[in-house]
């Protein structure tokens, strides 16, 4: 597993996600669909009380066969777990 903060452009090791039950069910359904599409990804978005997008969670499957579809820095992160070397 690799976790990457796109805003700060750094890998991170810990994330805590709080979801209401309806969003947890939506996320689970999205993950279920993803398991059958190894080249796909899901974008899961959180909304505020006015319906504006405020949070984003993207999950993508990686494998040796699809590494070339990622940015160079993400390939390095996947292969080494780090971006500093």
PDB file of N, CA and C in Angstrom:
ATOM      1  N   UNK A   1       0.841  -1.167   0.000  1.00  0.00           N
ATOM      2  CA  UNK A   1       0.000   0.000   0.000  1.00  0.00           C
ATOM      3  C   UNK A   1       0.889   1.234   0.000  1.00  0.00           C
ATOM      4  N   UNK A   2       0.521   2.175  -0.833  1.00  0.00           N
ATOM      5  CA  UNK A   2       1.208   3.460  -0.862  1.00  0.00           C
ATOM      6  C   UNK A   2       0.160   4.551  -0.690  1.00  0.00           C
ATOM      7  N   UNK A   3       0.456   5.539   0.145  1.00  0.00           N
ATOM      8  CA  UNK A   3      -0.447   6.658   0.369  1.00  0.00           C
ATOM      9  C   UNK A   3       0.318   7.924   0.016  1.00  0.00           C
ATOM     10  N   UNK A   4      -0.276   8.745  -0.830  1.00  0.00           N
ATOM     11  CA  UNK A   4       0.411   9.919  -1.358  1.00  0.00           C
ATOM     12  C   UNK A   4      -0.469  11.152  -1.173  1.00  0.00           C
ATOM     13  N   UNK A   5       0.105  12.205  -0.604  1.00  0.00           N
ATOM     14  CA  UNK A   5      -0.584  13.477  -0.453  1.00  0.00           C
ATOM     15  C   UNK A   5      -0.283  14.317  -1.689  1.00  0.00           C
ATOM     16  N   UNK A   6      -1.279  14.484  -2.563  1.00  0.00           N
ATOM     17  CA  UNK A   6      -1.062  15.220  -3.814  1.00  0.00           C
ATOM     18  C   UNK A   6      -0.879  16.707  -3.596  1.00  0.00           C
ATOM     19  N   UNK A   7      -1.434  17.258  -2.534  1.00  0.00           N
ATOM     20  CA  UNK A   7      -1.296  18.691  -2.269  1.00  0.00           C
ATOM     21  C   UNK A   7       0.134  19.013  -1.835  1.00  0.00           C
ATOM     22  N   UNK A   8       0.667  18.230  -0.893  1.00  0.00           N
ATOM     23  CA  UNK A   8       2.025  18.461  -0.400  1.00  0.00           C
ATOM     24  C   UNK A   8       3.087  17.737  -1.217  1.00  0.00           C
ATOM     25  N   UNK A   9       2.633  16.838  -2.119  1.00  0.00           N
ATOM     26  CA  UNK A   9       3.538  16.084  -2.980  1.00  0.00           C
ATOM     27  C   UNK A   9       4.495  15.195  -2.187  1.00  0.00           C
ATOM     28  N   UNK A  10       3.954  14.529  -1.160  1.00  0.00           N
ATOM     29  CA  UNK A  10       4.778  13.663  -0.319  1.00  0.00           C
ATOM     30  C   UNK A  10       4.024  12.370   0.008  1.00  0.00           C
ATOM     31  N   UNK A  11       4.776  11.284   0.212  1.00  0.00           N
ATOM     32  CA  UNK A  11       4.139  10.071   0.711  1.00  0.00           C
ATOM     33  C   UNK A  11       3.831  10.230   2.196  1.00  0.00           C
ATOM     34  N   UNK A  12       2.775   9.587   2.649  1.00  0.00           N
ATOM     35  CA  UNK A  12       2.437   9.590   4.069  1.00  0.00           C
ATOM     36  C   UNK A  12       2.178   8.162   4.515  1.00  0.00           C
ATOM     37  N   UNK A  13       2.280   7.911   5.799  1.00  0.00           N
ATOM     38  CA  UNK A  13       2.174   6.550   6.309  1.00  0.00           C
ATOM     39  C   UNK A  13       0.916   6.277   7.105  1.00  0.00           C
ATOM     40  N   UNK A  14       0.158   7.294   7.402  1.00  0.00           N
ATOM     41  CA  UNK A  14      -1.010   7.078   8.246  1.00  0.00           C
ATOM     42  C   UNK A  14      -2.146   8.008   7.829  1.00  0.00           C
ATOM     43  N   UNK A  15      -3.334   7.447   7.737  1.00  0.00           N
ATOM     44  CA  UNK A  15      -4.531   8.217   7.404  1.00  0.00           C
ATOM     45  C   UNK A  15      -5.658   7.701   8.284  1.00  0.00           C
ATOM     46  N   UNK A  16      -6.442   8.608   8.797  1.00  0.00           N
ATOM     47  CA  UNK A  16      -7.636   8.262   9.565  1.00  0.00           C
ATOM     48  C   UNK A  16      -8.820   8.887   8.843  1.00  0.00           C
ATOM     49  N   UNK A  17      -9.780   8.063   8.444  1.00  0.00           N
ATOM     50  CA  UNK A  17     -10.928   8.543   7.678  1.00  0.00           C
ATOM     51  C   UNK A  17     -12.192   8.310   8.496  1.00  0.00           C
ATOM     52  N   UNK A  18     -12.974   9.357   8.663  1.00  0.00           N
ATOM     53  CA  UNK A  18     -14.258   9.266   9.363  1.00  0.00           C
ATOM     54  C   UNK A  18     -15.365   9.361   8.326  1.00  0.00           C
ATOM     55  N   UNK A  19     -16.280   8.390   8.320  1.00  0.00           N
ATOM     56  CA  UNK A  19     -17.370   8.369   7.354  1.00  0.00           C
ATOM     57  C   UNK A  19     -18.700   8.106   8.049  1.00  0.00           C
ATOM     58  N   UNK A  20     -19.762   8.791   7.624  1.00  0.00           N
ATOM     59  CA  UNK A  20     -21.084   8.372   8.078  1.00  0.00           C
ATOM     60  C   UNK A  20     -21.434   7.060   7.363  1.00  0.00           C
ATOM     61  N   UNK A  21     -22.379   6.333   7.894  1.00  0.00           N
ATOM     62  CA  UNK A  21     -22.704   5.011   7.372  1.00  0.00           C
ATOM     63  C   UNK A  21     -23.033   5.031   5.880  1.00  0.00           C
ATOM     64  N   UNK A  22     -23.792   6.009   5.405  1.00  0.00           N
ATOM     65  CA  UNK A  22     -24.150   6.035   3.987  1.00  0.00           C
ATOM     66  C   UNK A  22     -22.923   6.196   3.096  1.00  0.00           C
ATOM     67  N   UNK A  23     -21.953   7.007   3.500  1.00  0.00           N
ATOM     68  CA  UNK A  23     -20.719   7.154   2.716  1.00  0.00           C
ATOM     69  C   UNK A  23     -19.868   5.894   2.802  1.00  0.00           C
ATOM     70  N   UNK A  24     -19.848   5.237   3.941  1.00  0.00           N
ATOM     71  CA  UNK A  24     -19.100   3.981   4.073  1.00  0.00           C
ATOM     72  C   UNK A  24     -19.664   2.932   3.114  1.00  0.00           C
ATOM     73  N   UNK A  25     -20.980   2.883   2.996  1.00  0.00           N
ATOM     74  CA  UNK A  25     -21.614   1.941   2.069  1.00  0.00           C
ATOM     75  C   UNK A  25     -21.264   2.279   0.623  1.00  0.00           C
ATOM     76  N   UNK A  26     -21.245   3.568   0.286  1.00  0.00           N
ATOM     77  CA  UNK A  26     -20.872   3.994  -1.066  1.00  0.00           C
ATOM     78  C   UNK A  26     -19.425   3.617  -1.374  1.00  0.00           C
ATOM     79  N   UNK A  27     -18.533   3.850  -0.409  1.00  0.00           N
ATOM     80  CA  UNK A  27     -17.128   3.515  -0.602  1.00  0.00           C
ATOM     81  C   UNK A  27     -16.950   2.012  -0.779  1.00  0.00           C
ATOM     82  N   UNK A  28     -17.627   1.230   0.031  1.00  0.00           N
ATOM     83  CA  UNK A  28     -17.536  -0.229  -0.072  1.00  0.00           C
ATOM     84  C   UNK A  28     -18.007  -0.700  -1.445  1.00  0.00           C
ATOM     85  N   UNK A  29     -19.113  -0.165  -1.928  1.00  0.00           N
ATOM     86  CA  UNK A  29     -19.616  -0.544  -3.244  1.00  0.00           C
ATOM     87  C   UNK A  29     -18.616  -0.169  -4.333  1.00  0.00           C
ATOM     88  N   UNK A  30     -17.990   0.992  -4.216  1.00  0.00           N
ATOM     89  CA  UNK A  30     -16.984   1.420  -5.196  1.00  0.00           C
ATOM     90  C   UNK A  30     -15.775   0.495  -5.179  1.00  0.00           C
ATOM     91  N   UNK A  31     -15.339   0.104  -3.990  1.00  0.00           N
ATOM     92  CA  UNK A  31     -14.203  -0.813  -3.877  1.00  0.00           C
ATOM     93  C   UNK A  31     -14.545  -2.189  -4.443  1.00  0.00           C
ATOM     94  N   UNK A  32     -15.769  -2.643  -4.219  1.00  0.00           N
ATOM     95  CA  UNK A  32     -16.210  -3.926  -4.787  1.00  0.00           C
ATOM     96  C   UNK A  32     -16.131  -3.887  -6.309  1.00  0.00           C
ATOM     97  N   UNK A  33     -16.558  -2.788  -6.918  1.00  0.00           N
ATOM     98  CA  UNK A  33     -16.496  -2.651  -8.369  1.00  0.00           C
ATOM     99  C   UNK A  33     -15.053  -2.596  -8.851  1.00  0.00           C
ATOM    100  N   UNK A  34     -14.180  -1.990  -8.083  1.00  0.00           N
ATOM    101  CA  UNK A  34     -12.773  -1.846  -8.467  1.00  0.00           C
ATOM    102  C   UNK A  34     -12.050  -3.183  -8.532  1.00  0.00           C
ATOM    103  N   UNK A  35     -12.416  -4.122  -7.676  1.00  0.00           N
ATOM    104  CA  UNK A  35     -11.694  -5.399  -7.645  1.00  0.00           C
ATOM    105  C   UNK A  35     -11.794  -6.165  -8.957  1.00  0.00           C
ATOM    106  N   UNK A  36     -12.799  -5.850  -9.772  1.00  0.00           N
ATOM    107  CA  UNK A  36     -12.969  -6.518 -11.062  1.00  0.00           C
ATOM    108  C   UNK A  36     -12.355  -5.740 -12.216  1.00  0.00           C
ATOM    109  N   UNK A  37     -11.685  -4.627 -11.923  1.00  0.00           N
ATOM    110  CA  UNK A  37     -11.084  -3.791 -12.955  1.00  0.00           C
ATOM    111  C   UNK A  37      -9.681  -3.404 -12.506  1.00  0.00           C
ATOM    112  N   UNK A  38      -8.718  -4.257 -12.760  1.00  0.00           N
ATOM    113  CA  UNK A  38      -7.368  -4.065 -12.226  1.00  0.00           C
ATOM    114  C   UNK A  38      -6.643  -2.867 -12.824  1.00  0.00           C
ATOM    115  N   UNK A  39      -7.137  -2.277 -13.899  1.00  0.00           N
ATOM    116  CA  UNK A  39      -6.522  -1.076 -14.466  1.00  0.00           C
ATOM    117  C   UNK A  39      -7.305   0.172 -14.109  1.00  0.00           C
ATOM    118  N   UNK A  40      -8.336   0.025 -13.318  1.00  0.00           N
ATOM    119  CA  UNK A  40      -9.204   1.144 -13.014  1.00  0.00           C
ATOM    120  C   UNK A  40      -8.858   1.842 -11.716  1.00  0.00           C
ATOM    121  N   UNK A  41      -9.694   2.789 -11.369  1.00  0.00           N
ATOM    122  CA  UNK A  41      -9.556   3.505 -10.115  1.00  0.00           C
ATOM    123  C   UNK A  41     -10.932   4.009  -9.718  1.00  0.00           C
ATOM    124  N   UNK A  42     -11.043   4.412  -8.466  1.00  0.00           N
ATOM    125  CA  UNK A  42     -12.262   5.058  -8.014  1.00  0.00           C
ATOM    126  C   UNK A  42     -11.900   6.412  -7.446  1.00  0.00           C
ATOM    127  N   UNK A  43     -12.791   7.334  -7.615  1.00  0.00           N
ATOM    128  CA  UNK A  43     -12.714   8.644  -6.976  1.00  0.00           C
ATOM    129  C   UNK A  43     -13.903   8.722  -6.048  1.00  0.00           C
ATOM    130  N   UNK A  44     -13.657   8.915  -4.790  1.00  0.00           N
ATOM    131  CA  UNK A  44     -14.715   8.991  -3.794  1.00  0.00           C
ATOM    132  C   UNK A  44     -14.674  10.393  -3.225  1.00  0.00           C
ATOM    133  N   UNK A  45     -15.777  11.124  -3.346  1.00  0.00           N
ATOM    134  CA  UNK A  45     -15.792  12.527  -2.967  1.00  0.00           C
ATOM    135  C   UNK A  45     -16.708  12.783  -1.783  1.00  0.00           C
ATOM    136  N   UNK A  46     -16.248  13.603  -0.854  1.00  0.00           N
ATOM    137  CA  UNK A  46     -17.065  14.052   0.261  1.00  0.00           C
ATOM    138  C   UNK A  46     -17.648  15.416  -0.048  1.00  0.00           C
ATOM    139  N   UNK A  47     -18.835  15.670   0.473  1.00  0.00           N
ATOM    140  CA  UNK A  47     -19.506  16.936   0.218  1.00  0.00           C
ATOM    141  C   UNK A  47     -19.881  17.603   1.537  1.00  0.00           C
ATOM    142  N   UNK A  48     -19.914  18.928   1.515  1.00  0.00           N
ATOM    143  CA  UNK A  48     -20.371  19.657   2.699  1.00  0.00           C
ATOM    144  C   UNK A  48     -21.899  19.709   2.716  1.00  0.00           C
ATOM    145  N   UNK A  49     -22.474  20.407   3.675  1.00  0.00           N
ATOM    146  CA  UNK A  49     -23.930  20.472   3.814  1.00  0.00           C
ATOM    147  C   UNK A  49     -24.627  21.130   2.630  1.00  0.00           C
ATOM    148  N   UNK A  50     -23.889  21.891   1.831  1.00  0.00           N
ATOM    149  CA  UNK A  50     -24.457  22.543   0.649  1.00  0.00           C
ATOM    150  C   UNK A  50     -24.243  21.732  -0.629  1.00  0.00           C
ATOM    151  N   UNK A  51     -23.646  20.541  -0.490  1.00  0.00           N
ATOM    152  CA  UNK A  51     -23.404  19.699  -1.656  1.00  0.00           C
ATOM    153  C   UNK A  51     -22.137  20.010  -2.409  1.00  0.00           C
ATOM    154  N   UNK A  52     -21.290  20.890  -1.868  1.00  0.00           N
ATOM    155  CA  UNK A  52     -20.016  21.226  -2.520  1.00  0.00           C
ATOM    156  C   UNK A  52     -18.975  20.166  -2.201  1.00  0.00           C
ATOM    157  N   UNK A  53     -18.185  19.795  -3.207  1.00  0.00           N
ATOM    158  CA  UNK A  53     -17.120  18.824  -2.990  1.00  0.00           C
ATOM    159  C   UNK A  53     -16.060  19.409  -2.074  1.00  0.00           C
ATOM    160  N   UNK A  54     -15.705  18.673  -1.019  1.00  0.00           N
ATOM    161  CA  UNK A  54     -14.732  19.171  -0.057  1.00  0.00           C
ATOM    162  C   UNK A  54     -13.588  18.189   0.202  1.00  0.00           C
ATOM    163  N   UNK A  55     -13.814  16.923  -0.083  1.00  0.00           N
ATOM    164  CA  UNK A  55     -12.806  15.893   0.178  1.00  0.00           C
ATOM    165  C   UNK A  55     -12.728  14.971  -1.035  1.00  0.00           C
ATOM    166  N   UNK A  56     -11.557  14.365  -1.225  1.00  0.00           N
ATOM    167  CA  UNK A  56     -11.394  13.425  -2.326  1.00  0.00           C
ATOM    168  C   UNK A  56     -10.518  12.267  -1.875  1.00  0.00           C
ATOM    169  N   UNK A  57     -10.963  11.073  -2.174  1.00  0.00           N
ATOM    170  CA  UNK A  57     -10.190   9.860  -1.933  1.00  0.00           C
ATOM    171  C   UNK A  57     -10.130   9.108  -3.252  1.00  0.00           C
ATOM    172  N   UNK A  58      -8.934   8.911  -3.757  1.00  0.00           N
ATOM    173  CA  UNK A  58      -8.750   8.158  -4.994  1.00  0.00           C
ATOM    174  C   UNK A  58      -8.025   6.866  -4.652  1.00  0.00           C
ATOM    175  N   UNK A  59      -8.543   5.762  -5.149  1.00  0.00           N
ATOM    176  CA  UNK A  59      -7.928   4.452  -4.948  1.00  0.00           C
ATOM    177  C   UNK A  59      -7.676   3.863  -6.321  1.00  0.00           C
ATOM    178  N   UNK A  60      -6.450   3.417  -6.552  1.00  0.00           N
ATOM    179  CA  UNK A  60      -6.085   2.825  -7.836  1.00  0.00           C
ATOM    180  C   UNK A  60      -5.293   1.550  -7.604  1.00  0.00           C
ATOM    181  N   UNK A  61      -5.564   0.556  -8.411  1.00  0.00           N
ATOM    182  CA  UNK A  61      -4.849  -0.719  -8.346  1.00  0.00           C
ATOM    183  C   UNK A  61      -3.546  -0.583  -9.136  1.00  0.00           C
ATOM    184  N   UNK A  62      -2.444  -1.088  -8.557  1.00  0.00           N
ATOM    185  CA  UNK A  62      -1.205  -1.114  -9.334  1.00  0.00           C
ATOM    186  C   UNK A  62      -0.670  -2.536  -9.389  1.00  0.00           C
ATOM    187  N   UNK A  63       0.052  -2.816 -10.467  1.00  0.00           N
ATOM    188  CA  UNK A  63       0.682  -4.119 -10.671  1.00  0.00           C
ATOM    189  C   UNK A  63       1.877  -3.918 -11.588  1.00  0.00           C
ATOM    190  N   UNK A  64       2.668  -4.944 -11.748  1.00  0.00           N
ATOM    191  CA  UNK A  64       3.808  -4.857 -12.665  1.00  0.00           C
ATOM    192  C   UNK A  64       3.340  -4.543 -14.086  1.00  0.00           C
ATOM    193  N   UNK A  65       2.152  -5.039 -14.424  1.00  0.00           N
ATOM    194  CA  UNK A  65       1.647  -4.875 -15.786  1.00  0.00           C
ATOM    195  C   UNK A  65       1.181  -3.452 -16.091  1.00  0.00           C
ATOM    196  N   UNK A  66       0.796  -2.671 -15.097  1.00  0.00           N
ATOM    197  CA  UNK A  66       0.294  -1.331 -15.404  1.00  0.00           C
ATOM    198  C   UNK A  66       1.139  -0.195 -14.829  1.00  0.00           C
ATOM    199  N   UNK A  67       2.325  -0.511 -14.312  1.00  0.00           N
ATOM    200  CA  UNK A  67       3.174   0.537 -13.733  1.00  0.00           C
ATOM    201  C   UNK A  67       3.483   1.657 -14.719  1.00  0.00           C
ATOM    202  N   UNK A  68       3.608   1.320 -15.990  1.00  0.00           N
ATOM    203  CA  UNK A  68       3.972   2.339 -16.977  1.00  0.00           C
ATOM    204  C   UNK A  68       2.864   3.369 -17.214  1.00  0.00           C
ATOM    205  N   UNK A  69       1.704   3.182 -16.619  1.00  0.00           N
ATOM    206  CA  UNK A  69       0.612   4.148 -16.768  1.00  0.00           C
ATOM    207  C   UNK A  69       0.642   5.226 -15.685  1.00  0.00           C
ATOM    208  N   UNK A  70       1.586   5.130 -14.747  1.00  0.00           N
ATOM    209  CA  UNK A  70       1.693   6.078 -13.644  1.00  0.00           C
ATOM    210  C   UNK A  70       2.782   7.113 -13.923  1.00  0.00           C
ATOM    211  N   UNK A  71       2.666   8.256 -13.231  1.00  0.00           N
ATOM    212  CA  UNK A  71       3.733   9.264 -13.281  1.00  0.00           C
ATOM    213  C   UNK A  71       5.030   8.656 -12.735  1.00  0.00           C
ATOM    214  N   UNK A  72       6.147   9.180 -13.170  1.00  0.00           N
ATOM    215  CA  UNK A  72       7.461   8.670 -12.753  1.00  0.00           C
ATOM    216  C   UNK A  72       7.627   8.682 -11.235  1.00  0.00           C
ATOM    217  N   UNK A  73       7.203   9.769 -10.570  1.00  0.00           N
ATOM    218  CA  UNK A  73       7.363   9.836  -9.112  1.00  0.00           C
ATOM    219  C   UNK A  73       6.505   8.789  -8.411  1.00  0.00           C
ATOM    220  N   UNK A  74       5.338   8.476  -8.972  1.00  0.00           N
ATOM    221  CA  UNK A  74       4.481   7.459  -8.363  1.00  0.00           C
ATOM    222  C   UNK A  74       5.070   6.072  -8.578  1.00  0.00           C
ATOM    223  N   UNK A  75       5.672   5.841  -9.722  1.00  0.00           N
ATOM    224  CA  UNK A  75       6.362   4.566  -9.956  1.00  0.00           C
ATOM    225  C   UNK A  75       7.462   4.388  -8.921  1.00  0.00           C
ATOM    226  N   UNK A  76       8.241   5.447  -8.687  1.00  0.00           N
ATOM    227  CA  UNK A  76       9.309   5.380  -7.685  1.00  0.00           C
ATOM    228  C   UNK A  76       8.729   5.093  -6.301  1.00  0.00           C
ATOM    229  N   UNK A  77       7.640   5.763  -5.960  1.00  0.00           N
ATOM    230  CA  UNK A  77       6.998   5.524  -4.670  1.00  0.00           C
ATOM    231  C   UNK A  77       6.531   4.077  -4.544  1.00  0.00           C
ATOM    232  N   UNK A  78       5.916   3.553  -5.587  1.00  0.00           N
ATOM    233  CA  UNK A  78       5.433   2.168  -5.572  1.00  0.00           C
ATOM    234  C   UNK A  78       6.603   1.204  -5.424  1.00  0.00           C
ATOM    235  N   UNK A  79       7.653   1.426  -6.168  1.00  0.00           N
ATOM    236  CA  UNK A  79       8.792   0.493  -6.154  1.00  0.00           C
ATOM    237  C   UNK A  79       9.633   0.566  -4.900  1.00  0.00           C
ATOM    238  N   UNK A  80       9.776   1.774  -4.324  1.00  0.00           N
ATOM    239  CA  UNK A  80      10.703   1.928  -3.189  1.00  0.00           C
ATOM    240  C   UNK A  80      10.018   2.286  -1.876  1.00  0.00           C
ATOM    241  N   UNK A  81       8.791   2.780  -1.968  1.00  0.00           N
ATOM    242  CA  UNK A  81       8.106   3.237  -0.755  1.00  0.00           C
ATOM    243  C   UNK A  81       8.531   4.621  -0.313  1.00  0.00           C
ATOM    244  N   UNK A  82       9.341   5.287  -1.141  1.00  0.00           N
ATOM    245  CA  UNK A  82       9.893   6.582  -0.757  1.00  0.00           C
ATOM    246  C   UNK A  82      10.112   7.433  -2.005  1.00  0.00           C
ATOM    247  N   UNK A  83      10.226   8.729  -1.825  1.00  0.00           N
ATOM    248  CA  UNK A  83      10.542   9.629  -2.945  1.00  0.00           C
ATOM    249  C   UNK A  83      11.833  10.392  -2.728  1.00  0.00           C
ATOM    250  N   UNK A  84      12.502  10.178  -1.607  1.00  0.00           N
ATOM    251  CA  UNK A  84      13.689  10.979  -1.293  1.00  0.00           C
ATOM    252  C   UNK A  84      14.968  10.465  -1.919  1.00  0.00           C
ATOM    253  N   UNK A  85      15.015   9.223  -2.306  1.00  0.00           N
ATOM    254  CA  UNK A  85      16.263   8.669  -2.867  1.00  0.00           C
ATOM    255  C   UNK A  85      16.248   8.668  -4.360  1.00  0.00           C
TER     256      UNK A  85
END
